[in-house]
Every structure is written in C-alpha cells, then in structure tokens.
C-alpha cells in the first residue's frame, strides 16, 4: 500500500472527527471524561499515522485495529455522556464515528487480503 498518509481518506476523516470531539468536549465539566474523550479521539488519528509509517501491511493492519478500538471507545464515551446529560445531542457525531469504524474495518480487511495475495 503505497499511499501517503495525507492521501488516505480514513486519516482525513479521523482527523476531522478528532477536532469535532475536542470542540464538543470543551465544555465538559468532568475533566476525567473530557480528557478521556480527547485521548480516545487522538488515539484514532495517531494509530492510523503510526501504522502507515510502519512499512508493512501487517503492521498497518494491527495499528488500524487499535485505531478502530479507540474509535469504539470514543463512541461509547459520547453515548454515555449523552445518557448522563453531560453532553447535549451528539448523535450525528456518533453516527459519523460508526461510519469511520466501518471505514477502518474495510481498510483492515483490504490490508489482510493484500497480504494473502
């Protein structure tokens, strides 16, 4: 997979979701939750970047799987914050994070298929 990091759509989407999560969490009074939301959002982006820099499809797939886990964690945090009334309605962002999760899964599958061929 010879694409540069900036050329990967999943990376661009993850960066945008991270920025949105940061902005959304700015008013969260619970600093532990706010920081955890930000760490999970950042982890998605950074694991994509790290994986791309590793040099092999196998390593890239492992890092994308970690990014996907962080994406699920972020989704759960936002849903929990909405349920607790800590955050307003962020259902649109949650839906977009679920789409990002599907993109990450598709990339993992493609990387694993490329290894088999």
Protein backbone atom coordinates (compact mmCIF):
# COMPACT_ATOMS: atom_id res chain seq x y z
CA UNK A 1 0.00 0.00 0.00
CA UNK A 2 1.98 2.99 -1.28
CA UNK A 3 -0.40 5.83 -0.40
CA UNK A 4 0.92 8.73 1.62
CA UNK A 5 -0.76 9.33 4.95
CA UNK A 6 -2.42 12.57 3.81
CA UNK A 7 -3.91 10.73 0.82
CA UNK A 8 -5.79 8.26 3.00
CA UNK A 9 -9.44 9.27 3.30
CA UNK A 10 -9.76 7.40 6.59
CA UNK A 11 -6.96 9.55 8.04
CA UNK A 12 -8.65 12.79 6.93
CA UNK A 13 -11.99 11.66 8.36
CA UNK A 14 -10.35 10.62 11.64
CA UNK A 15 -8.62 13.99 11.97
CA UNK A 16 -11.93 15.80 11.44
CA UNK A 17 -13.70 13.57 13.98
CA UNK A 18 -10.89 14.25 16.46
CA UNK A 19 -11.24 18.00 16.02
CA UNK A 20 -15.00 17.76 16.49
CA UNK A 21 -14.61 15.65 19.63
CA UNK A 22 -12.19 18.21 21.06
CA UNK A 23 -14.58 21.08 20.36
CA UNK A 24 -17.57 19.14 21.68
CA UNK A 25 -15.81 18.18 24.89
CA UNK A 26 -14.54 21.70 25.62
CA UNK A 27 -17.49 22.45 27.91
CA UNK A 28 -17.50 19.10 29.73
CA UNK A 29 -17.01 19.95 33.40
CA UNK A 30 -15.94 16.40 34.29
CA UNK A 31 -12.25 16.75 33.44
CA UNK A 32 -11.63 12.99 33.60
CA UNK A 33 -14.31 12.33 30.99
CA UNK A 34 -13.23 15.28 28.85
CA UNK A 35 -9.62 14.10 28.88
CA UNK A 36 -10.61 10.50 28.12
CA UNK A 37 -12.73 11.63 25.15
CA UNK A 38 -9.78 13.60 23.84
CA UNK A 39 -7.30 10.77 24.37
CA UNK A 40 -9.52 8.29 22.53
CA UNK A 41 -10.12 10.71 19.64
CA UNK A 42 -6.40 11.44 19.37
CA UNK A 43 -5.56 7.73 19.57
CA UNK A 44 -7.60 7.02 16.45
CA UNK A 45 -5.62 9.54 14.41
CA UNK A 46 -2.22 8.69 15.84
CA UNK A 47 -2.62 4.94 15.39
CA UNK A 48 -3.51 5.42 11.73
CA UNK A 49 -0.39 7.58 11.33
CA UNK A 50 1.83 5.16 13.22
CA UNK A 51 0.57 2.20 11.22
CA UNK A 52 1.15 3.96 7.93
CA UNK A 53 4.71 4.68 8.98
CA UNK A 54 5.47 1.10 9.97
CA UNK A 55 6.15 -0.03 6.41
CA UNK A 56 4.29 -3.32 6.23
CA UNK A 57 0.64 -4.11 5.61
CA UNK A 58 0.61 -6.47 8.61
CA UNK A 59 1.83 -3.74 10.97
CA UNK A 60 -0.52 -1.22 9.37
CA UNK A 61 -3.49 -3.57 9.87
CA UNK A 62 -2.58 -4.06 13.55
CA UNK A 63 -2.42 -0.30 14.13
CA UNK A 64 -5.70 0.24 12.28
CA UNK A 65 -7.29 -2.38 14.53
CA UNK A 66 -6.08 -0.40 17.56
CA UNK A 67 -7.47 2.79 15.99
CA UNK A 68 -10.80 1.02 15.49
CA UNK A 69 -10.84 0.05 19.16
CA UNK A 70 -10.21 3.66 20.17
CA UNK A 71 -12.97 4.75 17.81
CA UNK A 72 -15.41 2.37 19.55
CA UNK A 73 -14.22 3.69 22.91
CA UNK A 74 -14.84 7.27 21.80
CA UNK A 75 -18.30 6.34 20.52
CA UNK A 76 -19.18 4.71 23.85
CA UNK A 77 -17.89 7.70 25.82
CA UNK A 78 -20.03 10.11 23.82
CA UNK A 79 -23.10 7.90 24.14
CA UNK A 80 -22.53 7.59 27.88
CA UNK A 81 -22.07 11.37 28.23
CA UNK A 82 -25.34 11.95 26.35
CA UNK A 83 -27.16 9.41 28.55
CA UNK A 84 -25.85 11.10 31.68
CA UNK A 85 -26.80 14.54 30.39
CA UNK A 86 -23.17 15.69 30.40
CA UNK A 87 -23.25 16.37 26.67
CA UNK A 88 -26.08 17.57 24.52
CA UNK A 89 -27.20 15.71 21.45
CA UNK A 90 -24.16 14.48 19.60
CA UNK A 91 -25.95 11.66 17.78
CA UNK A 92 -24.75 12.98 14.41
CA UNK A 93 -21.12 12.71 15.51
CA UNK A 94 -21.76 9.24 16.93
CA UNK A 95 -23.24 8.16 13.58
CA UNK A 96 -20.20 9.54 11.77
CA UNK A 97 -17.88 7.71 14.16
CA UNK A 98 -19.77 4.50 13.41
CA UNK A 99 -19.16 5.16 9.70
CA UNK A 100 -15.48 5.76 10.46
CA UNK A 101 -15.44 2.40 12.24
CA UNK A 102 -16.75 0.76 9.09
CA UNK A 103 -14.06 2.51 7.06
CA UNK A 104 -11.38 1.25 9.44
CA UNK A 105 -12.78 -2.30 9.23
CA UNK A 106 -12.77 -2.15 5.44
CA UNK A 107 -9.15 -0.98 5.44
CA UNK A 108 -8.15 -3.80 7.78
CA UNK A 109 -9.85 -6.32 5.50
CA UNK A 110 -8.16 -4.87 2.42
CA UNK A 111 -4.74 -4.94 4.08
CA UNK A 112 -5.24 -8.53 5.17
CA UNK A 113 -6.42 -9.56 1.70
CA UNK A 114 -3.39 -7.90 0.12
CA UNK A 115 -1.17 -9.98 2.42
CA UNK A 116 -2.83 -13.19 1.26
CA UNK A 117 -2.37 -12.41 -2.42
